[in-house]
């Protein structure tokens, strides 16, 4: 039974990867209007009906690449030491997670969202969900283990995600070459600068510590 389940999950992953590859290829070759459920299903070797067993819409598929990135970051953050300052933990995770290969895939996902406006709503919904879970994880491990100020934890998590997103956007706006070690270094520098800008907010005392 375990072997059958493992094989089934592997098949699902291959189909999902094939669908994402088809999205990126169609966007690059023909633009957003060419990205239809029928074309994607054909490229992945599945039926249109099966496509909708995986994703509720083409927009949801396009957004799933960015959802995967946020999920990887969230799970990696949960494994960092609990006494590590939250910005240091976040930067360490990004530095370790974002290899050249990972960044290349992330760049494809980010640019797909930019070129497919309908997918932005799904990406935003995924971001909200991850923000909620991140706020819970980071509060418990890094920001407020005693749960004295849930609002502060939520606000700080939103600031952290916004800082990363602005760094990512700034990098994308200036990046038009290959995704290589130099490109990765430029992204990490933008993230470091963004985190340094918001660091005083994280390093300052919490309101309940002021007496």
N, C-alpha and C. Protein backbone atom coordinates (compact mmCIF):
# COMPACT_ATOMS: atom_id res chain seq x y z
N UNK A 1 0.82 -1.20 0.00
CA UNK A 1 0.00 0.00 0.00
C UNK A 1 0.87 1.26 0.00
N UNK A 2 1.93 1.26 0.82
CA UNK A 2 2.83 2.40 0.88
C UNK A 2 3.50 2.65 -0.46
N UNK A 3 3.89 1.56 -1.14
CA UNK A 3 4.53 1.68 -2.45
C UNK A 3 3.56 2.27 -3.46
N UNK A 4 2.30 1.81 -3.43
CA UNK A 4 1.30 2.32 -4.36
C UNK A 4 1.04 3.80 -4.09
N UNK A 5 0.93 4.17 -2.81
CA UNK A 5 0.70 5.56 -2.45
C UNK A 5 1.86 6.44 -2.90
N UNK A 6 3.09 5.94 -2.67
CA UNK A 6 4.26 6.70 -3.09
C UNK A 6 4.32 6.89 -4.59
N UNK A 7 3.96 5.85 -5.34
CA UNK A 7 3.96 5.95 -6.79
C UNK A 7 2.89 6.94 -7.26
N UNK A 8 1.73 6.90 -6.62
CA UNK A 8 0.65 7.82 -6.98
C UNK A 8 1.06 9.27 -6.73
N UNK A 9 1.69 9.52 -5.59
CA UNK A 9 2.13 10.88 -5.28
C UNK A 9 3.22 11.35 -6.25
N UNK A 10 4.11 10.43 -6.63
CA UNK A 10 5.15 10.79 -7.60
C UNK A 10 4.54 11.15 -8.94
N UNK A 11 3.51 10.41 -9.35
CA UNK A 11 2.83 10.70 -10.61
C UNK A 11 2.15 12.07 -10.56
N UNK A 12 1.53 12.36 -9.40
CA UNK A 12 0.88 13.67 -9.24
C UNK A 12 1.91 14.79 -9.34
N UNK A 13 3.06 14.59 -8.72
CA UNK A 13 4.09 15.62 -8.75
C UNK A 13 4.61 15.83 -10.17
N UNK A 14 4.79 14.74 -10.91
CA UNK A 14 5.26 14.87 -12.29
C UNK A 14 4.24 15.62 -13.15
N UNK A 15 2.96 15.30 -12.96
CA UNK A 15 1.92 15.99 -13.73
C UNK A 15 1.88 17.46 -13.37
N UNK A 16 1.97 17.77 -12.10
CA UNK A 16 1.94 19.16 -11.64
C UNK A 16 3.14 19.93 -12.22
N UNK A 17 4.31 19.31 -12.21
CA UNK A 17 5.50 19.94 -12.77
C UNK A 17 5.34 20.17 -14.27
N UNK A 18 4.77 19.18 -14.95
CA UNK A 18 4.55 19.31 -16.40
C UNK A 18 3.59 20.45 -16.70
N UNK A 19 2.57 20.61 -15.89
CA UNK A 19 1.61 21.70 -16.10
C UNK A 19 2.28 23.06 -15.90
N UNK A 20 3.08 23.18 -14.85
CA UNK A 20 3.78 24.44 -14.62
C UNK A 20 4.76 24.75 -15.76
N UNK A 21 5.50 23.74 -16.21
CA UNK A 21 6.42 23.94 -17.33
C UNK A 21 5.65 24.41 -18.57
N UNK A 22 4.47 23.82 -18.78
CA UNK A 22 3.67 24.21 -19.94
C UNK A 22 3.20 25.65 -19.83
N UNK A 23 2.85 26.09 -18.61
CA UNK A 23 2.46 27.49 -18.40
C UNK A 23 3.59 28.42 -18.82
N UNK A 24 4.78 28.16 -18.30
CA UNK A 24 5.91 29.05 -18.58
C UNK A 24 6.25 29.07 -20.07
N UNK A 25 6.20 27.90 -20.71
CA UNK A 25 6.55 27.83 -22.12
C UNK A 25 5.53 28.56 -22.99
N UNK A 26 4.24 28.38 -22.66
CA UNK A 26 3.21 29.06 -23.44
C UNK A 26 3.26 30.58 -23.25
N UNK A 27 3.49 31.01 -22.01
CA UNK A 27 3.60 32.44 -21.75
C UNK A 27 4.75 33.05 -22.55
N UNK A 28 5.89 32.35 -22.54
CA UNK A 28 7.07 32.86 -23.25
C UNK A 28 6.85 32.87 -24.77
N UNK A 29 6.22 31.82 -25.27
CA UNK A 29 6.11 31.67 -26.73
C UNK A 29 4.94 32.43 -27.33
N UNK A 30 3.80 32.44 -26.62
CA UNK A 30 2.57 32.96 -27.24
C UNK A 30 1.83 34.00 -26.40
N UNK A 31 2.21 34.19 -25.14
CA UNK A 31 1.55 35.19 -24.32
C UNK A 31 0.37 34.62 -23.53
N UNK A 32 -0.22 35.44 -22.67
CA UNK A 32 -1.26 34.97 -21.74
C UNK A 32 -2.49 34.37 -22.42
N UNK A 33 -2.87 34.89 -23.58
CA UNK A 33 -4.09 34.40 -24.23
C UNK A 33 -3.98 32.94 -24.65
N UNK A 34 -2.77 32.44 -24.80
CA UNK A 34 -2.57 31.05 -25.22
C UNK A 34 -2.67 30.07 -24.06
N UNK A 35 -2.67 30.59 -22.85
CA UNK A 35 -2.64 29.71 -21.68
C UNK A 35 -4.06 29.33 -21.32
N UNK A 36 -4.50 28.21 -21.87
CA UNK A 36 -5.84 27.69 -21.60
C UNK A 36 -5.73 26.31 -20.98
N UNK A 37 -6.80 25.88 -20.34
CA UNK A 37 -6.81 24.55 -19.72
C UNK A 37 -6.58 23.47 -20.77
N UNK A 38 -7.17 23.65 -21.94
CA UNK A 38 -7.03 22.64 -22.99
C UNK A 38 -5.58 22.52 -23.45
N UNK A 39 -4.92 23.65 -23.69
CA UNK A 39 -3.53 23.63 -24.15
C UNK A 39 -2.61 23.06 -23.07
N UNK A 40 -2.85 23.43 -21.84
CA UNK A 40 -2.01 22.95 -20.74
C UNK A 40 -2.19 21.45 -20.52
N UNK A 41 -3.43 21.00 -20.56
CA UNK A 41 -3.69 19.57 -20.37
C UNK A 41 -3.04 18.75 -21.48
N UNK A 42 -3.15 19.24 -22.70
CA UNK A 42 -2.53 18.54 -23.83
C UNK A 42 -1.02 18.45 -23.66
N UNK A 43 -0.40 19.55 -23.23
CA UNK A 43 1.05 19.57 -23.07
C UNK A 43 1.50 18.62 -21.96
N UNK A 44 0.66 18.46 -20.93
CA UNK A 44 1.01 17.59 -19.81
C UNK A 44 0.59 16.14 -20.03
N UNK A 45 -0.12 15.87 -21.13
CA UNK A 45 -0.54 14.50 -21.42
C UNK A 45 -1.70 14.03 -20.58
N UNK A 46 -2.57 14.98 -20.20
CA UNK A 46 -3.75 14.60 -19.42
C UNK A 46 -4.99 15.18 -20.09
N UNK A 47 -6.16 14.79 -19.60
CA UNK A 47 -7.39 15.33 -20.16
C UNK A 47 -7.72 16.67 -19.50
N UNK A 48 -8.58 17.43 -20.15
CA UNK A 48 -9.03 18.70 -19.57
C UNK A 48 -9.71 18.45 -18.23
N UNK A 49 -10.49 17.38 -18.14
CA UNK A 49 -11.17 17.05 -16.89
C UNK A 49 -10.17 16.77 -15.78
N UNK A 50 -9.11 16.05 -16.11
CA UNK A 50 -8.08 15.76 -15.11
C UNK A 50 -7.38 17.03 -14.66
N UNK A 51 -7.19 17.96 -15.59
CA UNK A 51 -6.59 19.24 -15.22
C UNK A 51 -7.32 19.86 -14.04
N UNK A 52 -8.64 19.84 -14.09
CA UNK A 52 -9.43 20.49 -13.04
C UNK A 52 -9.49 19.66 -11.76
N UNK A 53 -8.96 18.45 -11.80
CA UNK A 53 -8.77 17.70 -10.56
C UNK A 53 -7.55 18.22 -9.80
N UNK A 54 -6.64 18.86 -10.53
CA UNK A 54 -5.43 19.40 -9.93
C UNK A 54 -5.61 20.86 -9.52
N UNK A 55 -6.23 21.65 -10.39
CA UNK A 55 -6.36 23.09 -10.14
C UNK A 55 -7.76 23.54 -10.52
N UNK A 56 -8.28 24.49 -9.75
CA UNK A 56 -9.63 24.96 -10.03
C UNK A 56 -9.70 25.85 -11.26
N UNK A 57 -8.55 26.40 -11.66
CA UNK A 57 -8.52 27.28 -12.83
C UNK A 57 -7.09 27.42 -13.32
N UNK A 58 -6.94 27.99 -14.50
CA UNK A 58 -5.61 28.28 -15.01
C UNK A 58 -4.92 29.30 -14.11
N UNK A 59 -5.67 30.27 -13.62
CA UNK A 59 -5.09 31.29 -12.74
C UNK A 59 -4.49 30.65 -11.48
N UNK A 60 -5.20 29.67 -10.94
CA UNK A 60 -4.71 28.99 -9.74
C UNK A 60 -3.41 28.24 -10.03
N UNK A 61 -3.32 27.64 -11.21
CA UNK A 61 -2.08 26.96 -11.59
C UNK A 61 -0.93 27.94 -11.69
N UNK A 62 -1.15 29.06 -12.37
CA UNK A 62 -0.09 30.05 -12.54
C UNK A 62 0.40 30.54 -11.17
N UNK A 63 -0.54 30.74 -10.24
CA UNK A 63 -0.18 31.24 -8.91
C UNK A 63 0.49 30.19 -8.04
N UNK A 64 0.36 28.92 -8.39
CA UNK A 64 0.87 27.87 -7.52
C UNK A 64 2.38 27.89 -7.38
N UNK A 65 3.08 28.42 -8.39
CA UNK A 65 4.54 28.49 -8.30
C UNK A 65 4.98 29.37 -7.15
N UNK A 66 4.33 30.54 -6.98
CA UNK A 66 4.69 31.42 -5.89
C UNK A 66 4.24 30.85 -4.55
N UNK A 67 3.14 30.12 -4.56
CA UNK A 67 2.68 29.46 -3.34
C UNK A 67 3.72 28.45 -2.86
N UNK A 68 4.32 27.72 -3.78
CA UNK A 68 5.35 26.74 -3.42
C UNK A 68 6.55 27.42 -2.77
N UNK A 69 6.93 28.59 -3.29
CA UNK A 69 8.08 29.31 -2.73
C UNK A 69 7.80 29.70 -1.29
N UNK A 70 6.62 30.29 -1.05
CA UNK A 70 6.26 30.70 0.31
C UNK A 70 6.20 29.52 1.25
N UNK A 71 5.70 28.38 0.76
CA UNK A 71 5.61 27.20 1.60
C UNK A 71 7.00 26.70 1.98
N UNK A 72 7.92 26.70 1.04
CA UNK A 72 9.30 26.29 1.33
C UNK A 72 9.94 27.20 2.38
N UNK A 73 9.74 28.50 2.23
CA UNK A 73 10.31 29.45 3.19
C UNK A 73 9.71 29.24 4.57
N UNK A 74 8.40 29.07 4.62
CA UNK A 74 7.74 28.89 5.92
C UNK A 74 8.23 27.64 6.63
N UNK A 75 8.35 26.54 5.90
CA UNK A 75 8.79 25.29 6.53
C UNK A 75 10.24 25.38 6.97
N UNK A 76 11.07 26.05 6.18
CA UNK A 76 12.48 26.21 6.56
C UNK A 76 12.62 27.09 7.79
N UNK A 77 11.81 28.14 7.88
CA UNK A 77 11.85 29.02 9.05
C UNK A 77 11.48 28.28 10.32
N UNK A 78 10.54 27.36 10.21
CA UNK A 78 10.09 26.63 11.41
C UNK A 78 11.19 25.73 11.96
N UNK A 79 12.22 25.46 11.17
CA UNK A 79 13.31 24.60 11.62
C UNK A 79 14.48 25.39 12.21
N UNK A 80 14.43 26.73 12.16
CA UNK A 80 15.51 27.52 12.71
C UNK A 80 15.46 27.52 14.25
N UNK A 81 16.62 27.77 14.90
CA UNK A 81 16.64 27.81 16.37
C UNK A 81 15.68 28.86 16.91
N UNK A 82 14.98 28.52 17.98
CA UNK A 82 13.97 29.41 18.53
C UNK A 82 14.52 30.70 19.10
N UNK A 83 15.79 30.70 19.53
CA UNK A 83 16.35 31.91 20.13
C UNK A 83 17.03 32.82 19.10
N UNK A 84 16.92 32.49 17.84
CA UNK A 84 17.54 33.29 16.78
C UNK A 84 16.66 34.49 16.45
N UNK A 85 17.23 35.72 16.39
CA UNK A 85 16.42 36.87 15.99
C UNK A 85 15.71 36.62 14.67
N UNK A 86 14.48 37.08 14.57
CA UNK A 86 13.63 36.68 13.47
C UNK A 86 14.19 37.12 12.11
N UNK A 87 14.75 38.32 12.02
CA UNK A 87 15.31 38.75 10.73
C UNK A 87 16.54 37.95 10.36
N UNK A 88 17.34 37.59 11.36
CA UNK A 88 18.51 36.76 11.08
C UNK A 88 18.07 35.38 10.61
N UNK A 89 17.03 34.85 11.24
CA UNK A 89 16.51 33.54 10.83
C UNK A 89 15.98 33.60 9.40
N UNK A 90 15.24 34.66 9.09
CA UNK A 90 14.67 34.78 7.74
C UNK A 90 15.76 34.93 6.69
N UNK A 91 16.77 35.73 6.97
CA UNK A 91 17.85 35.91 5.99
C UNK A 91 18.64 34.61 5.81
N UNK A 92 18.87 33.88 6.91
CA UNK A 92 19.58 32.61 6.82
C UNK A 92 18.81 31.62 5.94
N UNK A 93 17.50 31.58 6.13
CA UNK A 93 16.67 30.67 5.33
C UNK A 93 16.74 31.04 3.85
N UNK A 94 16.60 32.31 3.54
CA UNK A 94 16.63 32.75 2.15
C UNK A 94 18.00 32.47 1.53
N UNK A 95 19.07 32.72 2.29
CA UNK A 95 20.42 32.48 1.78
C UNK A 95 20.65 31.01 1.49
N UNK A 96 20.10 30.12 2.33
CA UNK A 96 20.30 28.69 2.15
C UNK A 96 19.35 28.11 1.10
N UNK A 97 18.14 28.61 1.09
CA UNK A 97 17.12 28.05 0.21
C UNK A 97 17.31 28.48 -1.25
N UNK A 98 17.71 29.73 -1.43
CA UNK A 98 17.80 30.27 -2.78
C UNK A 98 19.15 29.94 -3.40
N UNK A 99 19.23 28.76 -3.97
CA UNK A 99 20.35 28.41 -4.84
C UNK A 99 20.07 29.03 -6.21
N UNK A 100 21.03 28.94 -7.11
CA UNK A 100 20.82 29.44 -8.47
C UNK A 100 19.64 28.72 -9.12
N UNK A 101 19.56 27.40 -8.91
CA UNK A 101 18.48 26.62 -9.51
C UNK A 101 17.13 27.02 -8.94
N UNK A 102 17.07 27.19 -7.61
CA UNK A 102 15.82 27.58 -6.97
C UNK A 102 15.39 28.97 -7.44
N UNK A 103 16.35 29.89 -7.53
CA UNK A 103 16.03 31.24 -7.98
C UNK A 103 15.55 31.25 -9.42
N UNK A 104 16.14 30.40 -10.26
CA UNK A 104 15.70 30.32 -11.65
C UNK A 104 14.23 29.93 -11.74
N UNK A 105 13.83 28.93 -10.95
CA UNK A 105 12.43 28.51 -10.94
C UNK A 105 11.54 29.59 -10.34
N UNK A 106 12.03 30.22 -9.27
CA UNK A 106 11.25 31.29 -8.64
C UNK A 106 11.04 32.44 -9.61
N UNK A 107 12.08 32.78 -10.37
CA UNK A 107 11.98 33.88 -11.33
C UNK A 107 10.93 33.58 -12.38
N UNK A 108 10.89 32.35 -12.84
CA UNK A 108 9.86 31.96 -13.81
C UNK A 108 8.46 32.13 -13.21
N UNK A 109 8.31 31.72 -11.95
CA UNK A 109 7.02 31.83 -11.28
C UNK A 109 6.63 33.29 -11.08
N UNK A 110 7.58 34.12 -10.63
CA UNK A 110 7.28 35.54 -10.40
C UNK A 110 6.90 36.25 -11.69
N UNK A 111 7.64 35.97 -12.75
CA UNK A 111 7.34 36.64 -14.02
C UNK A 111 6.03 36.14 -14.61
N UNK A 112 5.69 34.89 -14.37
CA UNK A 112 4.41 34.37 -14.85
C UNK A 112 3.26 35.11 -14.19
N UNK A 113 3.37 35.37 -12.90
CA UNK A 113 2.33 36.12 -12.19
C UNK A 113 2.20 37.52 -12.78
N UNK A 114 3.33 38.16 -13.04
CA UNK A 114 3.30 39.52 -13.58
C UNK A 114 2.65 39.56 -14.96
N UNK A 115 2.77 38.48 -15.71
CA UNK A 115 2.25 38.46 -17.08
C UNK A 115 0.84 37.89 -17.16
N UNK A 116 0.33 37.37 -16.05
CA UNK A 116 -0.99 36.75 -16.07
C UNK A 116 -1.81 37.38 -14.94
N UNK A 117 -2.40 38.56 -15.18
CA UNK A 117 -3.06 39.31 -14.11
C UNK A 117 -4.12 38.53 -13.34
N UNK A 118 -4.81 37.63 -14.02
CA UNK A 118 -5.85 36.87 -13.34
C UNK A 118 -5.33 36.00 -12.22
N UNK A 119 -4.05 35.65 -12.29
CA UNK A 119 -3.45 34.79 -11.27
C UNK A 119 -3.09 35.55 -10.01
N UNK A 120 -3.07 36.87 -10.09
CA UNK A 120 -2.60 37.64 -8.93
C UNK A 120 -3.51 37.48 -7.72
N UNK A 121 -4.82 37.34 -7.96
CA UNK A 121 -5.74 37.14 -6.84
C UNK A 121 -5.42 35.86 -6.10
N UNK A 122 -5.14 34.80 -6.83
CA UNK A 122 -4.79 33.53 -6.19
C UNK A 122 -3.47 33.64 -5.45
N UNK A 123 -2.51 34.36 -6.04
CA UNK A 123 -1.23 34.55 -5.37
C UNK A 123 -1.41 35.35 -4.09
N UNK A 124 -2.29 36.35 -4.13
CA UNK A 124 -2.55 37.16 -2.94
C UNK A 124 -3.21 36.32 -1.86
N UNK A 125 -4.17 35.48 -2.24
CA UNK A 125 -4.83 34.61 -1.27
C UNK A 125 -3.83 33.66 -0.62
N UNK A 126 -2.92 33.12 -1.43
CA UNK A 126 -1.91 32.22 -0.89
C UNK A 126 -1.00 32.98 0.07
N UNK A 127 -0.66 34.22 -0.30
CA UNK A 127 0.21 35.02 0.56
C UNK A 127 -0.46 35.30 1.90
N UNK A 128 -1.75 35.59 1.88
CA UNK A 128 -2.48 35.85 3.13
C UNK A 128 -2.47 34.61 4.01
N UNK A 129 -2.70 33.45 3.41
CA UNK A 129 -2.69 32.21 4.18
C UNK A 129 -1.33 31.93 4.80
N UNK A 130 -0.28 32.13 4.01
CA UNK A 130 1.06 31.91 4.53
C UNK A 130 1.42 32.95 5.60
N UNK A 131 0.95 34.18 5.43
CA UNK A 131 1.20 35.20 6.44
C UNK A 131 0.61 34.80 7.77
N UNK A 132 -0.60 34.28 7.73
CA UNK A 132 -1.25 33.84 8.97
C UNK A 132 -0.48 32.72 9.64
N UNK A 133 -0.06 31.74 8.85
CA UNK A 133 0.68 30.62 9.43
C UNK A 133 2.07 31.05 9.89
N UNK A 134 2.70 31.95 9.12
CA UNK A 134 4.00 32.45 9.52
C UNK A 134 3.91 33.24 10.82
N UNK A 135 2.87 34.05 10.94
CA UNK A 135 2.69 34.82 12.17
C UNK A 135 2.60 33.90 13.38
N UNK A 136 1.88 32.81 13.21
CA UNK A 136 1.75 31.85 14.31
C UNK A 136 3.08 31.18 14.61
N UNK A 137 3.78 30.74 13.57
CA UNK A 137 5.06 30.05 13.76
C UNK A 137 6.11 30.98 14.36
N UNK A 138 6.23 32.18 13.79
CA UNK A 138 7.26 33.10 14.25
C UNK A 138 6.96 33.63 15.65
N UNK A 139 5.69 33.83 15.96
CA UNK A 139 5.34 34.28 17.31
C UNK A 139 5.76 33.24 18.34
N UNK A 140 5.48 31.99 18.04
CA UNK A 140 5.77 30.92 18.98
C UNK A 140 7.27 30.70 19.16
N UNK A 141 8.06 30.93 18.10
CA UNK A 141 9.48 30.57 18.16
C UNK A 141 10.41 31.78 18.30
N UNK A 142 10.04 32.93 17.72
CA UNK A 142 11.01 34.02 17.63
C UNK A 142 10.52 35.36 18.20
N UNK A 143 9.26 35.70 18.04
CA UNK A 143 8.80 37.05 18.34
C UNK A 143 8.16 37.16 19.71
N UNK A 144 7.23 36.27 20.01
CA UNK A 144 6.43 36.41 21.23
C UNK A 144 6.04 35.03 21.75
N UNK A 145 7.00 34.25 22.27
CA UNK A 145 6.71 32.89 22.72
C UNK A 145 5.61 32.81 23.79
N UNK A 146 5.46 33.88 24.56
CA UNK A 146 4.45 33.87 25.61
C UNK A 146 3.08 34.35 25.13
N UNK A 147 3.00 34.69 23.84
CA UNK A 147 1.74 35.11 23.22
C UNK A 147 1.12 36.30 23.95
N UNK A 148 1.94 37.28 24.24
CA UNK A 148 1.47 38.45 24.98
C UNK A 148 0.88 39.51 24.07
N UNK A 149 1.25 39.48 22.78
CA UNK A 149 0.77 40.51 21.87
C UNK A 149 0.62 39.95 20.45
N UNK A 150 -0.45 39.20 20.20
CA UNK A 150 -0.64 38.59 18.87
C UNK A 150 -0.68 39.61 17.74
N UNK A 151 -1.23 40.80 17.99
CA UNK A 151 -1.29 41.80 16.94
C UNK A 151 0.11 42.22 16.52
N UNK A 152 1.00 42.42 17.47
CA UNK A 152 2.37 42.80 17.15
C UNK A 152 3.04 41.71 16.30
N UNK A 153 2.82 40.46 16.67
CA UNK A 153 3.41 39.36 15.91
C UNK A 153 2.91 39.37 14.48
N UNK A 154 1.61 39.60 14.31
CA UNK A 154 1.04 39.62 12.97
C UNK A 154 1.60 40.78 12.15
N UNK A 155 1.72 41.95 12.78
CA UNK A 155 2.22 43.13 12.07
C UNK A 155 3.69 42.93 11.68
N UNK A 156 4.50 42.41 12.60
CA UNK A 156 5.92 42.19 12.30
C UNK A 156 6.09 41.16 11.18
N UNK A 157 5.27 40.12 11.19
CA UNK A 157 5.35 39.13 10.11
C UNK A 157 5.00 39.76 8.77
N UNK A 158 3.97 40.60 8.75
CA UNK A 158 3.59 41.28 7.51
C UNK A 158 4.71 42.20 7.03
N UNK A 159 5.38 42.88 7.97
CA UNK A 159 6.50 43.74 7.61
C UNK A 159 7.64 42.92 7.00
N UNK A 160 7.92 41.77 7.60
CA UNK A 160 8.99 40.91 7.09
C UNK A 160 8.69 40.45 5.67
N UNK A 161 7.46 40.00 5.44
CA UNK A 161 7.09 39.53 4.11
C UNK A 161 7.11 40.67 3.09
N UNK A 162 6.65 41.85 3.52
CA UNK A 162 6.66 43.00 2.62
C UNK A 162 8.09 43.41 2.27
N UNK A 163 8.98 43.37 3.26
CA UNK A 163 10.39 43.72 3.00
C UNK A 163 10.98 42.77 1.97
N UNK A 164 10.71 41.47 2.13
CA UNK A 164 11.21 40.51 1.14
C UNK A 164 10.59 40.76 -0.23
N UNK A 165 9.28 41.04 -0.25
CA UNK A 165 8.61 41.22 -1.53
C UNK A 165 9.12 42.46 -2.25
N UNK A 166 9.37 43.53 -1.52
CA UNK A 166 9.90 44.73 -2.15
C UNK A 166 11.32 44.49 -2.68
N UNK A 167 12.12 43.74 -1.92
CA UNK A 167 13.47 43.40 -2.39
C UNK A 167 13.40 42.55 -3.66
N UNK A 168 12.48 41.60 -3.66
CA UNK A 168 12.29 40.75 -4.84
C UNK A 168 11.88 41.58 -6.05
N UNK A 169 10.95 42.50 -5.86
CA UNK A 169 10.49 43.34 -6.97
C UNK A 169 11.61 44.24 -7.49
N UNK A 170 12.37 44.81 -6.57
CA UNK A 170 13.48 45.67 -6.98
C UNK A 170 14.49 44.88 -7.79
N UNK A 171 14.74 43.65 -7.38
CA UNK A 171 15.68 42.79 -8.13
C UNK A 171 15.12 42.45 -9.51
N UNK A 172 13.85 42.08 -9.56
CA UNK A 172 13.23 41.74 -10.84
C UNK A 172 13.25 42.92 -11.81
N UNK A 173 13.01 44.12 -11.29
CA UNK A 173 12.98 45.31 -12.15
C UNK A 173 14.31 45.57 -12.83
N UNK A 174 15.40 45.15 -12.19
CA UNK A 174 16.73 45.44 -12.73
C UNK A 174 17.42 44.21 -13.34
N UNK A 175 16.77 43.05 -13.20
CA UNK A 175 17.41 41.83 -13.71
C UNK A 175 16.86 41.49 -15.09
N UNK A 176 17.74 41.43 -16.07
CA UNK A 176 17.31 41.03 -17.42
C UNK A 176 18.29 40.07 -18.07
N UNK A 177 19.18 39.49 -17.28
CA UNK A 177 20.15 38.55 -17.81
C UNK A 177 19.91 37.15 -17.28
N UNK A 178 20.90 36.29 -17.37
CA UNK A 178 20.75 34.92 -16.88
C UNK A 178 20.69 34.88 -15.36
N UNK A 179 20.04 33.86 -14.84
CA UNK A 179 20.02 33.63 -13.39
C UNK A 179 21.26 32.82 -13.05
N UNK A 180 22.27 33.50 -12.51
CA UNK A 180 23.53 32.87 -12.19
C UNK A 180 23.97 33.31 -10.80
N UNK A 181 25.21 33.00 -10.44
CA UNK A 181 25.70 33.36 -9.11
C UNK A 181 25.65 34.87 -8.88
N UNK A 182 25.97 35.63 -9.91
CA UNK A 182 25.94 37.09 -9.76
C UNK A 182 24.52 37.59 -9.52
N UNK A 183 23.56 37.03 -10.24
CA UNK A 183 22.16 37.41 -10.05
C UNK A 183 21.68 37.04 -8.65
N UNK A 184 22.06 35.86 -8.20
CA UNK A 184 21.68 35.42 -6.85
C UNK A 184 22.28 36.36 -5.81
N UNK A 185 23.54 36.73 -5.97
CA UNK A 185 24.17 37.65 -5.04
C UNK A 185 23.46 38.99 -5.00
N UNK A 186 23.01 39.46 -6.16
CA UNK A 186 22.29 40.74 -6.23
C UNK A 186 20.97 40.65 -5.49
N UNK A 187 20.26 39.52 -5.63
CA UNK A 187 19.00 39.36 -4.90
C UNK A 187 19.25 39.36 -3.40
N UNK A 188 20.22 38.59 -2.95
CA UNK A 188 20.51 38.50 -1.52
C UNK A 188 20.91 39.87 -0.95
N UNK A 189 21.62 40.66 -1.74
CA UNK A 189 21.99 42.00 -1.29
C UNK A 189 20.75 42.89 -1.13
N UNK A 190 19.82 42.76 -2.06
CA UNK A 190 18.57 43.53 -1.94
C UNK A 190 17.80 43.10 -0.70
N UNK A 191 17.74 41.80 -0.44
CA UNK A 191 17.04 41.31 0.75
C UNK A 191 17.73 41.81 2.01
N UNK A 192 19.04 41.76 2.03
CA UNK A 192 19.78 42.23 3.21
C UNK A 192 19.49 43.70 3.47
N UNK A 193 19.50 44.52 2.41
CA UNK A 193 19.22 45.94 2.57
C UNK A 193 17.80 46.17 3.07
N UNK A 194 16.84 45.43 2.51
CA UNK A 194 15.45 45.59 2.94
C UNK A 194 15.29 45.22 4.41
N UNK A 195 15.94 44.14 4.83
CA UNK A 195 15.84 43.73 6.24
C UNK A 195 16.53 44.74 7.15
N UNK A 196 17.63 45.33 6.69
CA UNK A 196 18.30 46.34 7.50
C UNK A 196 17.42 47.57 7.70
N UNK A 197 16.63 47.91 6.70
CA UNK A 197 15.73 49.06 6.80
C UNK A 197 14.69 48.86 7.90
N UNK A 198 14.14 47.64 8.01
CA UNK A 198 13.08 47.39 8.99
C UNK A 198 13.63 46.87 10.32
N UNK A 199 14.93 46.61 10.40
CA UNK A 199 15.49 46.01 11.61
C UNK A 199 15.19 46.80 12.89
N UNK A 200 15.25 48.14 12.86
CA UNK A 200 14.95 48.86 14.10
C UNK A 200 13.57 48.54 14.69
N UNK A 201 12.61 48.25 13.83
CA UNK A 201 11.27 47.90 14.32
C UNK A 201 11.31 46.58 15.08
N UNK A 202 12.09 45.63 14.57
CA UNK A 202 12.17 44.32 15.20
C UNK A 202 13.05 44.34 16.46
N UNK A 203 14.09 45.15 16.44
CA UNK A 203 15.02 45.17 17.56
C UNK A 203 14.54 46.02 18.73
N UNK A 204 13.59 46.90 18.48
CA UNK A 204 13.08 47.75 19.57
C UNK A 204 12.27 46.93 20.56
N UNK A 205 12.11 47.45 21.78
CA UNK A 205 11.36 46.73 22.81
C UNK A 205 9.89 46.62 22.45
N UNK A 206 9.28 45.51 22.82
CA UNK A 206 7.85 45.36 22.65
C UNK A 206 7.13 46.29 23.64
N UNK A 207 5.95 46.76 23.29
CA UNK A 207 5.23 47.69 24.18
C UNK A 207 5.06 47.17 25.59
N UNK A 208 4.85 45.85 25.75
CA UNK A 208 4.63 45.31 27.10
C UNK A 208 5.92 45.21 27.88
N UNK A 209 7.08 45.47 27.24
CA UNK A 209 8.36 45.44 27.95
C UNK A 209 8.77 46.83 28.46
N UNK A 210 7.96 47.84 28.14
CA UNK A 210 8.34 49.20 28.48
C UNK A 210 7.90 49.58 29.90
N UNK A 211 7.19 48.69 30.54
CA UNK A 211 6.84 48.94 31.93
C UNK A 211 5.54 49.69 32.10
